[in-house]
């Protein structure tokens, strides 16, 4: 079996330590052949995700641990492995793995584990890291936009966005809203409407949380005809990775670890500032030279979990600097991002800088009637109640109207008598709730107990006094996540939950331990 012709590339820098001990190039090549044999198709290739799973297994990560590292559902990873990678390994080795723990030992027996000295392994890891992958499949001028042949409403939102981008030349626009509200569909529809006004259009999905360096490489390589970062800069990165490798060896030997880690942190910080600053300036140069529309979908993936919204994951703070620079620099292009959570940079800049705007999507309103009609549900007198029950969320309505059609004979009234049913929409809410801090969950539970919208004084009385000073900050975080709504009542502001959010809280989310 021959190794692949193109250089080894990785999409996410996940589980890269596997390259220090395993012959990944040969393993990828041989498993590709095994996959082709298993699928009876010579067109099959190992996907970037399958390669990531393989590296995780070789590093002795269990499926639950990989799920946490990759921000994916554990059940989905188990299914992917059992249907894919395990089968390819079985074809390759004629050994049937009974458990993920057996994979490294089986592949070691077949000679895929390297037996070089430390210097050789170190060189392998550095060479592996130096080749970032350009995600060509995510880049497009038009073809990779979501299908919007069926699109509901949002005429006012589309008109506003078109005005901001084409007439007012906004440089940074954020489309915000909770999961399922239609952010990606709206941006796709808008992009199809205005793409002819731009020289280049590129759409990148950030759901896998790529490092900013990789995002910049993808953007610059597509928007210009030149390589994004020269070899000298890559040399700086390899120096940092060398220190990391030394730290890893020291950790195994339990000696001098603090010295190496201190050097790692100092070196990484300096290199990151240099590389990222250079990359951002190169990107801005591209945006000045051509009129480009950049779409970054699912921005929330670069934020940390279990903290208040707007805090970036460790190593991802430079994404915030990207927003600041693109908003403040003079250029003729536009960055359009979607997110369930409002970035702090947007909140800070949109009041001061007219080239920065945000649009928070709410109920689909009367346009949601078309979703119901398309499912063949004819009780028009019940339409409004159903739309209100699910706050006009397109995804939720598509899910429950299918349930009504299949299980209740198309009767909306019979369905609503059984209480609020979430069905698969719970998965969308689950992903959003998994990002919350303990205090946010506690506060949502306090609100869920109330029948009517509540004021701040009432919420203060429901929590510990020493935590009341944090209340406004937590409310703001929940509002930026689109999980609470404000209601103006005469001279005061009240806070409320959507019915679906309240149902999910009461039936699924446990009260956090104090």
Protein backbone atom coordinates (compact mmCIF):
# COMPACT_ATOMS: atom_id res chain seq x y z
CA UNK A 1 0.00 0.00 0.00
CA UNK A 2 1.35 3.41 -0.91
CA UNK A 3 1.04 6.54 1.19
CA UNK A 4 -1.18 9.36 -0.09
CA UNK A 5 0.30 11.78 -2.61
CA UNK A 6 -0.65 15.00 -0.85
CA UNK A 7 1.04 16.17 2.36
CA UNK A 8 -0.39 15.15 5.70
CA UNK A 9 -2.84 17.79 6.85
CA UNK A 10 -4.96 18.24 9.95
CA UNK A 11 -8.05 20.34 10.41
CA UNK A 12 -8.10 21.08 14.12
CA UNK A 13 -4.83 20.28 15.90
CA UNK A 14 -6.72 17.80 18.11
CA UNK A 15 -4.82 14.88 19.67
CA UNK A 16 -1.69 15.84 17.72
CA UNK A 17 0.55 14.09 20.24
CA UNK A 18 -0.30 10.84 18.44
CA UNK A 19 2.13 11.88 15.70
CA UNK A 20 5.04 11.52 18.13
CA UNK A 21 4.54 7.76 18.53
CA UNK A 22 2.55 6.56 15.54
CA UNK A 23 3.19 6.45 11.80
CA UNK A 24 0.05 8.40 10.97
CA UNK A 25 0.77 8.93 7.30
CA UNK A 26 1.01 5.21 6.61
CA UNK A 27 -1.92 4.47 8.88
CA UNK A 28 -4.13 7.02 7.12
CA UNK A 29 -3.15 5.56 3.75
CA UNK A 30 -3.79 1.96 4.74
CA UNK A 31 -7.10 2.73 6.45
CA UNK A 32 -8.19 4.64 3.36
CA UNK A 33 -7.66 1.47 1.31
CA UNK A 34 -9.51 -0.52 3.97
CA UNK A 35 -12.41 1.95 3.85
CA UNK A 36 -12.56 1.65 0.07
CA UNK A 37 -12.68 -2.13 0.35
CA UNK A 38 -15.34 -1.98 3.08
CA UNK A 39 -17.51 0.48 1.11
CA UNK A 40 -16.76 -1.17 -2.26
CA UNK A 41 -15.88 2.24 -3.67
CA UNK A 42 -12.47 3.57 -4.69
CA UNK A 43 -13.71 7.14 -4.22
CA UNK A 44 -13.85 6.81 -0.42
CA UNK A 45 -11.31 8.68 1.74
CA UNK A 46 -10.82 9.04 5.48
CA UNK A 47 -12.61 12.20 6.55
CA UNK A 48 -10.89 14.81 8.77
CA UNK A 49 -13.23 13.77 11.59
CA UNK A 50 -12.32 10.09 11.23
CA UNK A 51 -8.63 11.03 11.38
CA UNK A 52 -9.32 13.04 14.53
CA UNK A 53 -11.12 10.07 16.13
CA UNK A 54 -8.21 7.81 15.22
CA UNK A 55 -5.65 10.12 16.81
CA UNK A 56 -7.81 10.34 19.93
CA UNK A 57 -7.97 6.55 20.24
CA UNK A 58 -4.21 6.26 19.74
CA UNK A 59 -3.77 8.75 22.59
CA UNK A 60 -6.01 6.54 24.78
CA UNK A 61 -8.94 8.95 24.81
CA UNK A 62 -12.26 7.24 25.50
CA UNK A 63 -15.35 8.22 23.45
CA UNK A 64 -16.71 10.35 26.34
CA UNK A 65 -13.35 12.13 26.65
CA UNK A 66 -13.25 12.76 22.90
CA UNK A 67 -16.81 14.08 23.05
CA UNK A 68 -15.75 16.62 25.65
CA UNK A 69 -12.62 17.64 23.74
CA UNK A 70 -14.47 17.96 20.42
CA UNK A 71 -17.70 19.43 21.82
CA UNK A 72 -19.76 16.62 20.28
CA UNK A 73 -22.36 14.17 21.52
CA UNK A 74 -20.80 11.00 22.97
CA UNK A 75 -23.55 8.80 21.53
CA UNK A 76 -22.84 10.18 18.07
CA UNK A 77 -19.14 9.42 18.39
CA UNK A 78 -19.85 5.84 19.47
CA UNK A 79 -22.09 5.35 16.44
CA UNK A 80 -19.49 6.89 14.10
CA UNK A 81 -16.80 4.58 15.47
CA UNK A 82 -18.84 1.41 15.36
CA UNK A 83 -20.06 2.07 11.82
CA UNK A 84 -16.81 3.45 10.48
CA UNK A 85 -13.34 3.35 12.00
CA UNK A 86 -13.77 0.03 13.84
CA UNK A 87 -14.91 -1.61 10.60
CA UNK A 88 -11.94 -0.22 8.61
CA UNK A 89 -9.50 -1.46 11.27
CA UNK A 90 -11.16 -4.88 11.15
CA UNK A 91 -10.71 -5.00 7.35
CA UNK A 92 -7.09 -3.86 7.67
CA UNK A 93 -5.98 -6.20 10.46
CA UNK A 94 -8.56 -9.03 10.34
CA UNK A 95 -8.94 -8.38 14.06
CA UNK A 96 -12.34 -7.36 15.43
CA UNK A 97 -11.91 -4.74 18.19
CA UNK A 98 -14.35 -5.34 21.04
CA UNK A 99 -13.64 -2.02 22.73
CA UNK A 100 -11.88 1.28 22.01
CA UNK A 101 -9.10 0.27 24.42
CA UNK A 102 -8.00 -2.51 22.06
CA UNK A 103 -7.31 -0.22 19.08
CA UNK A 104 -3.78 0.93 20.07
CA UNK A 105 -2.58 -2.59 20.91
CA UNK A 106 -3.98 -4.05 17.66
CA UNK A 107 -2.33 -1.37 15.53
CA UNK A 108 0.94 -1.67 17.47
CA UNK A 109 1.07 -5.39 16.71
CA UNK A 110 0.74 -4.55 13.01
CA UNK A 111 3.73 -2.24 13.15
CA UNK A 112 2.20 1.23 13.07
CA UNK A 113 3.80 2.40 16.30
CA UNK A 114 7.14 4.15 15.81
CA UNK A 115 10.22 2.91 17.63
CA UNK A 116 12.57 5.83 17.11
CA UNK A 117 14.47 7.81 19.71
CA UNK A 118 13.22 10.99 21.34
CA UNK A 119 14.82 13.25 18.70
CA UNK A 120 13.15 11.32 15.88
CA UNK A 121 9.76 11.42 17.54
CA UNK A 122 10.18 15.12 18.26
CA UNK A 123 10.96 15.84 14.60
CA UNK A 124 7.90 13.87 13.51
CA UNK A 125 5.61 15.88 15.77
CA UNK A 126 7.02 19.24 14.66
CA UNK A 127 6.72 18.34 10.96
CA UNK A 128 3.15 17.19 11.54
CA UNK A 129 2.16 20.44 13.23
CA UNK A 130 3.67 22.68 10.56
CA UNK A 131 1.17 21.69 7.88
CA UNK A 132 -2.18 23.42 8.57
CA UNK A 133 -5.15 22.29 6.53
CA UNK A 134 -7.06 24.61 4.29
CA UNK A 135 -10.70 23.60 4.59
CA UNK A 136 -11.55 24.02 0.95
CA UNK A 137 -14.88 22.32 1.50
CA UNK A 138 -15.98 25.24 3.72
CA UNK A 139 -14.97 27.95 1.24
CA UNK A 140 -17.21 29.18 -1.49
CA UNK A 141 -18.32 32.10 -3.55
CA UNK A 142 -21.85 30.79 -3.65
CA UNK A 143 -22.09 27.00 -3.80
CA UNK A 144 -21.79 26.09 -0.12
CA UNK A 145 -24.60 28.33 1.11
CA UNK A 146 -27.55 26.55 2.70
CA UNK A 147 -30.52 25.80 0.47
CA UNK A 148 -33.06 28.63 0.87
CA UNK A 149 -35.50 27.61 -1.85
CA UNK A 150 -38.01 27.23 1.01
CA UNK A 151 -37.70 30.30 3.21
CA UNK A 152 -40.21 31.85 5.57
CA UNK A 153 -40.70 35.55 6.27
CA UNK A 154 -37.88 37.75 7.63
CA UNK A 155 -38.49 40.40 4.95
CA UNK A 156 -37.87 43.25 7.38
CA UNK A 157 -34.68 41.66 8.68
CA UNK A 158 -33.39 41.06 5.15
CA UNK A 159 -34.12 44.66 4.18
CA UNK A 160 -32.29 46.00 7.24
CA UNK A 161 -29.26 43.80 6.67
CA UNK A 162 -29.09 44.73 3.00
CA UNK A 163 -29.26 48.42 3.94
CA UNK A 164 -26.51 48.09 6.55
CA UNK A 165 -24.12 46.15 4.34
CA UNK A 166 -24.64 47.63 0.88
CA UNK A 167 -25.76 51.20 1.58
CA UNK A 168 -24.17 52.02 4.93
CA UNK A 169 -21.05 49.89 4.33
CA UNK A 170 -21.03 48.23 7.73
CA UNK A 171 -17.82 46.33 8.33
CA UNK A 172 -19.04 44.02 11.08
CA UNK A 173 -22.56 42.60 11.48
CA UNK A 174 -23.70 39.95 13.99
CA UNK A 175 -26.87 37.85 13.59
CA UNK A 176 -27.88 36.65 17.03
CA UNK A 177 -30.55 34.38 18.48
CA UNK A 178 -31.18 31.10 20.23
CA UNK A 179 -30.75 27.76 18.54
CA UNK A 180 -33.22 26.97 15.77
CA UNK A 181 -34.35 30.56 15.27
CA UNK A 182 -33.00 30.63 11.70
CA UNK A 183 -29.70 32.54 11.82
CA UNK A 184 -27.90 30.39 9.27
CA UNK A 185 -30.90 30.29 6.92
CA UNK A 186 -31.22 34.09 7.08
CA UNK A 187 -27.55 34.64 6.29
CA UNK A 188 -27.74 32.16 3.41
CA UNK A 189 -30.77 33.94 1.98
CA UNK A 190 -29.09 37.33 2.38
CA UNK A 191 -25.85 36.10 0.81
CA UNK A 192 -27.68 34.85 -2.26
CA UNK A 193 -29.33 38.25 -2.58
CA UNK A 194 -26.19 40.39 -2.33
CA UNK A 195 -23.29 38.15 -3.40
CA UNK A 196 -23.05 39.82 -6.81
CA UNK A 197 -22.05 43.05 -5.06
CA UNK A 198 -18.83 41.44 -3.80
CA UNK A 199 -15.65 40.27 -5.47
CA UNK A 200 -15.25 37.34 -3.10
CA UNK A 201 -17.55 35.50 -0.70
CA UNK A 202 -16.30 32.94 1.81
CA UNK A 203 -18.31 30.98 4.36
CA UNK A 204 -16.54 29.23 7.26
CA UNK A 205 -18.24 27.18 9.94
CA UNK A 206 -16.60 27.49 13.36
CA UNK A 207 -18.54 24.68 15.05
CA UNK A 208 -15.31 22.66 15.46
CA UNK A 209 -13.61 25.67 17.12
CA UNK A 210 -10.54 26.05 14.88
CA UNK A 211 -7.67 28.11 16.23
CA UNK A 212 -7.64 31.64 14.82
CA UNK A 213 -4.36 30.90 13.05
CA UNK A 214 -6.13 28.23 10.98
CA UNK A 215 -9.09 30.50 10.28
CA UNK A 216 -6.74 33.26 9.08
CA UNK A 217 -4.88 30.80 6.85
CA UNK A 218 -8.17 29.72 5.25
CA UNK A 219 -9.39 33.28 4.77
CA UNK A 220 -6.18 34.77 3.42
CA UNK A 221 -5.44 31.86 1.12
CA UNK A 222 -8.90 32.17 -0.44
CA UNK A 223 -9.09 35.96 -0.59
CA UNK A 224 -5.61 36.42 -2.05
CA UNK A 225 -3.42 34.48 -4.43
CA UNK A 226 -0.47 34.31 -2.04
CA UNK A 227 0.40 31.87 0.73
CA UNK A 228 -0.90 33.30 4.00
CA UNK A 229 2.15 32.84 6.24
CA UNK A 230 5.77 32.51 5.18
CA UNK A 231 8.14 29.77 6.28
CA UNK A 232 9.97 32.04 8.70
CA UNK A 233 6.75 32.55 10.64
CA UNK A 234 6.07 28.84 10.64
CA UNK A 235 9.55 28.40 12.05
CA UNK A 236 8.51 30.45 15.07
CA UNK A 237 5.54 28.15 15.58
CA UNK A 238 7.74 25.07 15.44
CA UNK A 239 10.04 26.58 18.10
CA UNK A 240 7.05 26.89 20.40
CA UNK A 241 5.96 23.35 19.69
CA UNK A 242 9.49 22.12 20.42
CA UNK A 243 9.26 23.58 23.92
CA UNK A 244 5.86 21.92 24.29
CA UNK A 245 7.32 18.57 23.32
CA UNK A 246 10.14 18.96 25.82
CA UNK A 247 7.57 19.80 28.49
CA UNK A 248 5.60 16.66 27.66
CA UNK A 249 8.72 14.49 28.00
CA UNK A 250 9.59 16.18 31.25
CA UNK A 251 6.07 15.52 32.53
CA UNK A 252 6.48 11.82 31.82
CA UNK A 253 9.76 11.77 33.72
CA UNK A 254 8.32 13.98 36.51
CA UNK A 255 11.33 16.29 36.34
CA UNK A 256 11.87 19.98 35.54
CA UNK A 257 8.26 20.34 34.39
CA UNK A 258 7.76 23.80 35.85
CA UNK A 259 10.78 25.20 34.01
CA UNK A 260 9.62 23.86 30.66
CA UNK A 261 6.02 24.98 31.15
CA UNK A 262 7.11 28.51 32.08
CA UNK A 263 9.14 28.66 28.88
CA UNK A 264 6.22 27.25 26.92
CA UNK A 265 3.82 29.91 28.17
CA UNK A 266 6.22 32.79 27.55
CA UNK A 267 7.19 31.54 24.11
CA UNK A 268 3.64 30.80 23.04
CA UNK A 269 2.34 34.21 24.11
CA UNK A 270 5.06 36.05 22.21
CA UNK A 271 4.66 33.94 19.09
CA UNK A 272 0.88 34.19 19.17
CA UNK A 273 0.98 37.97 19.33
CA UNK A 274 3.42 38.16 16.42
CA UNK A 275 1.74 35.61 14.18
CA UNK A 276 -1.83 36.72 14.82
CA UNK A 277 -1.07 40.43 14.46
CA UNK A 278 0.64 39.74 11.14
CA UNK A 279 -2.20 37.51 9.96
CA UNK A 280 -4.89 40.04 10.85
CA UNK A 281 -3.04 42.79 8.98
CA UNK A 282 -2.69 40.56 5.93
CA UNK A 283 -6.40 39.83 6.07
CA UNK A 284 -7.25 43.53 6.33
CA UNK A 285 -5.04 44.17 3.30
CA UNK A 286 -7.10 41.60 1.36
CA UNK A 287 -10.31 43.31 2.48
CA UNK A 288 -8.98 46.68 1.34
CA UNK A 289 -7.88 45.37 -2.05
CA UNK A 290 -11.15 43.58 -2.88
CA UNK A 291 -14.70 43.88 -1.64
CA UNK A 292 -15.25 40.65 0.26
CA UNK A 293 -18.10 39.16 2.25
CA UNK A 294 -16.86 36.88 5.03
CA UNK A 295 -19.38 34.71 6.88
CA UNK A 296 -18.34 33.00 10.10
CA UNK A 297 -21.13 30.70 11.24
CA UNK A 298 -21.58 29.43 14.84
CA UNK A 299 -19.22 31.93 16.47
CA UNK A 300 -20.32 30.73 19.92
CA UNK A 301 -18.05 27.68 19.51
CA UNK A 302 -15.00 29.80 20.35
CA UNK A 303 -16.53 30.89 23.66
CA UNK A 304 -15.89 28.97 26.87
CA UNK A 305 -18.56 26.91 28.61
CA UNK A 306 -19.74 27.06 32.22
CA UNK A 307 -18.88 30.76 32.36
CA UNK A 308 -20.86 33.91 31.66
CA UNK A 309 -21.25 34.62 27.98
CA UNK A 310 -18.57 36.41 25.99
CA UNK A 311 -15.58 34.75 27.66
CA UNK A 312 -13.37 33.05 25.10
CA UNK A 313 -11.94 29.58 25.45
CA UNK A 314 -8.31 29.37 26.51
CA UNK A 315 -6.18 30.25 23.51
CA UNK A 316 -9.11 31.79 21.60
CA UNK A 317 -9.07 35.32 23.04
CA UNK A 318 -7.44 36.49 19.80
CA UNK A 319 -10.79 36.02 18.05
CA UNK A 320 -11.94 39.07 20.00
CA UNK A 321 -8.96 41.02 18.69
CA UNK A 322 -9.95 40.03 15.15
CA UNK A 323 -13.38 41.60 15.65
CA UNK A 324 -11.90 44.80 17.04
CA UNK A 325 -9.42 45.20 14.20
CA UNK A 326 -11.92 44.47 11.44
CA UNK A 327 -14.40 46.91 12.96
CA UNK A 328 -11.93 49.78 13.42
CA UNK A 329 -9.81 49.43 10.27
CA UNK A 330 -10.73 51.11 7.00
CA UNK A 331 -11.72 48.60 4.31
CA UNK A 332 -14.52 47.95 1.82
CA UNK A 333 -15.60 44.52 3.04
CA UNK A 334 -17.94 43.02 5.61
CA UNK A 335 -17.64 40.28 8.23
CA UNK A 336 -21.01 38.69 8.95
CA UNK A 337 -21.16 36.32 11.92
CA UNK A 338 -23.90 34.20 13.48
CA UNK A 339 -23.95 33.29 17.15
CA UNK A 340 -26.22 32.14 19.96
CA UNK A 341 -24.21 34.45 22.22
CA UNK A 342 -23.43 38.11 21.66
CA UNK A 343 -19.68 38.85 21.62
CA UNK A 344 -18.58 41.53 24.07
CA UNK A 345 -16.74 43.29 21.27
CA UNK A 346 -19.99 43.74 19.35
CA UNK A 347 -21.75 45.07 22.43
CA UNK A 348 -18.94 47.55 23.07
CA UNK A 349 -18.48 48.78 19.49
CA UNK A 350 -21.95 48.99 18.02
CA UNK A 351 -22.88 52.05 20.08
CA UNK A 352 -19.68 53.93 19.25
CA UNK A 353 -18.99 52.78 15.72
CA UNK A 354 -21.75 52.99 13.13
CA UNK A 355 -19.97 50.39 11.01
CA UNK A 356 -20.82 47.72 13.61
CA UNK A 357 -24.37 46.40 13.94
CA UNK A 358 -26.18 43.45 15.48
CA UNK A 359 -29.56 41.91 14.73
CA UNK A 360 -31.28 39.68 17.27
CA UNK A 361 -33.78 37.30 15.71
CA UNK A 362 -37.06 36.69 17.48
CA UNK A 363 -40.31 34.97 16.60
CA UNK A 364 -41.02 34.25 12.97
CA UNK A 365 -44.45 35.76 13.59
CA UNK A 366 -47.24 35.30 11.08
CA UNK A 367 -44.81 33.81 8.57
CA UNK A 368 -44.70 30.70 10.81
CA UNK A 369 -48.20 29.88 9.56
CA UNK A 370 -46.63 28.63 6.33
CA UNK A 371 -44.63 26.03 8.28
CA UNK A 372 -47.86 24.70 9.80
CA UNK A 373 -49.72 24.70 6.49
CA UNK A 374 -46.87 22.89 4.75
CA UNK A 375 -47.38 20.01 7.19
CA UNK A 376 -51.02 19.74 6.15
CA UNK A 377 -52.43 20.94 9.49
CA UNK A 378 -55.75 22.67 8.81
CA UNK A 379 -57.05 23.89 12.20
CA UNK A 380 -56.43 27.54 11.43
CA UNK A 381 -58.04 28.63 14.70
CA UNK A 382 -55.21 26.90 16.60
CA UNK A 383 -52.32 28.32 14.58
CA UNK A 384 -51.71 31.36 16.80
CA UNK A 385 -51.69 29.32 20.02
CA UNK A 386 -49.22 26.84 18.57
CA UNK A 387 -46.91 29.59 17.27
CA UNK A 388 -47.03 31.40 20.62
CA UNK A 389 -46.36 28.20 22.56
CA UNK A 390 -43.08 27.74 20.69
CA UNK A 391 -42.25 31.47 20.45
CA UNK A 392 -42.28 31.35 16.67
CA UNK A 393 -39.09 29.28 16.56
CA UNK A 394 -38.89 27.73 13.06
CA UNK A 395 -36.98 24.60 14.08
CA UNK A 396 -39.25 23.88 17.05
CA UNK A 397 -42.35 24.34 14.90
CA UNK A 398 -41.02 22.06 12.16
CA UNK A 399 -40.35 19.37 14.78
CA UNK A 400 -43.70 19.55 16.60
CA UNK A 401 -45.82 19.87 13.45
CA UNK A 402 -44.32 16.58 12.30
CA UNK A 403 -45.32 15.04 15.64
CA UNK A 404 -48.84 16.49 15.32
CA UNK A 405 -49.18 15.11 11.82
CA UNK A 406 -47.82 11.64 12.65
CA UNK A 407 -49.19 11.01 16.15
CA UNK A 408 -52.26 13.23 16.58
CA UNK A 409 -53.89 12.86 13.20
CA UNK A 410 -53.11 16.46 12.37
CA UNK A 411 -55.09 17.82 15.34
CA UNK A 412 -53.31 20.78 16.92
CA UNK A 413 -55.94 21.02 19.65
CA UNK A 414 -55.43 17.41 20.78
CA UNK A 415 -51.67 17.94 20.77
CA UNK A 416 -51.81 21.10 22.90
CA UNK A 417 -54.02 19.39 25.52
CA UNK A 418 -51.05 17.21 26.44
CA UNK A 419 -48.82 20.08 27.50
CA UNK A 420 -45.77 21.50 25.77
CA UNK A 421 -43.88 18.78 23.91
CA UNK A 422 -40.25 19.50 22.91
CA UNK A 423 -39.23 16.32 21.14
CA UNK A 424 -35.96 16.58 19.27
CA UNK A 425 -35.88 20.32 19.94
CA UNK A 426 -34.58 19.32 23.38
CA UNK A 427 -31.25 18.50 21.71
CA UNK A 428 -30.91 22.09 20.52
CA UNK A 429 -31.76 23.46 23.97
CA UNK A 430 -29.40 20.94 25.58
CA UNK A 431 -26.43 22.22 23.57
CA UNK A 432 -27.21 25.76 24.70
CA UNK A 433 -27.80 24.87 28.35
CA UNK A 434 -24.57 22.89 28.50
CA UNK A 435 -22.75 26.19 28.03
CA UNK A 436 -24.27 27.89 31.09
CA UNK A 437 -22.63 28.68 34.41
CA UNK A 438 -24.12 27.25 37.61
CA UNK A 439 -25.43 30.66 38.67
CA UNK A 440 -27.19 31.12 35.32
CA UNK A 441 -28.94 27.77 35.71
CA UNK A 442 -29.92 28.61 39.28
CA UNK A 443 -31.39 31.93 38.20
CA UNK A 444 -33.32 30.33 35.34
CA UNK A 445 -34.82 27.84 37.80
CA UNK A 446 -35.94 30.73 40.00
CA UNK A 447 -37.65 32.33 37.01
CA UNK A 448 -39.20 29.05 35.89
CA UNK A 449 -41.09 28.77 39.19
CA UNK A 450 -42.86 32.07 38.53
CA UNK A 451 -46.13 32.22 36.61
CA UNK A 452 -45.62 35.79 35.41
CA UNK A 453 -42.57 37.87 34.41
CA UNK A 454 -40.55 38.99 37.44
CA UNK A 455 -38.56 42.07 38.39
CA UNK A 456 -35.04 42.27 39.76
CA UNK A 457 -36.24 42.75 43.34
CA UNK A 458 -38.11 39.45 43.27
CA UNK A 459 -35.09 37.63 41.84
CA UNK A 460 -32.84 39.16 44.51
CA UNK A 461 -35.10 37.75 47.18
CA UNK A 462 -34.78 34.26 45.71
CA UNK A 463 -30.99 34.06 45.83
CA UNK A 464 -28.35 34.35 48.53
CA UNK A 465 -27.76 37.94 49.58
CA UNK A 466 -24.01 37.86 48.96
CA UNK A 467 -24.67 36.90 45.34
CA UNK A 468 -27.20 39.64 44.63
CA UNK A 469 -24.44 41.96 43.40
CA UNK A 470 -23.77 39.55 40.56
CA UNK A 471 -27.41 39.36 39.56
CA UNK A 472 -27.44 42.06 36.90
CA UNK A 473 -24.32 40.63 35.24
CA UNK A 474 -25.90 37.17 35.11
CA UNK A 475 -29.18 38.54 33.74
CA UNK A 476 -27.24 40.35 31.03
CA UNK A 477 -25.42 37.13 30.17
CA UNK A 478 -28.70 35.22 29.85
CA UNK A 479 -30.17 38.00 27.73
CA UNK A 480 -27.14 37.91 25.40
CA UNK A 481 -27.70 34.17 25.08
CA UNK A 482 -31.34 34.85 24.07
CA UNK A 483 -32.54 32.63 26.94
CA UNK A 484 -34.55 35.36 28.68
CA UNK A 485 -36.71 38.19 27.37
CA UNK A 486 -37.49 41.63 28.74
CA UNK A 487 -41.02 42.91 29.21
CA UNK A 488 -41.68 46.62 29.71
CA UNK A 489 -44.41 47.23 32.29
CA UNK A 490 -45.13 50.90 32.93
CA UNK A 491 -42.11 52.18 34.85
CA UNK A 492 -40.20 48.93 35.31
CA UNK A 493 -38.53 46.17 33.33
CA UNK A 494 -39.59 42.59 33.91
CA UNK A 495 -37.85 39.38 32.87
CA UNK A 496 -39.50 36.31 31.39
CA UNK A 497 -38.77 32.88 29.93
CA UNK A 498 -40.07 31.46 26.69
CA UNK A 499 -42.50 28.56 27.29
CA UNK A 500 -40.17 26.02 25.68
CA UNK A 501 -37.24 27.14 27.82
CA UNK A 502 -39.37 26.88 30.96
CA UNK A 503 -40.56 23.40 30.01
CA UNK A 504 -37.01 22.26 29.36
CA UNK A 505 -35.85 23.65 32.71
CA UNK A 506 -38.61 22.00 34.69
CA UNK A 507 -38.34 18.61 33.01
CA UNK A 508 -34.66 18.17 32.15
CA UNK A 509 -32.21 20.55 33.85
CA UNK A 510 -31.26 19.72 37.42
CA UNK A 511 -30.96 22.42 40.05
CA UNK A 512 -27.23 23.10 40.51
CA UNK A 513 -25.64 22.33 43.83
CA UNK A 514 -24.94 25.45 45.91
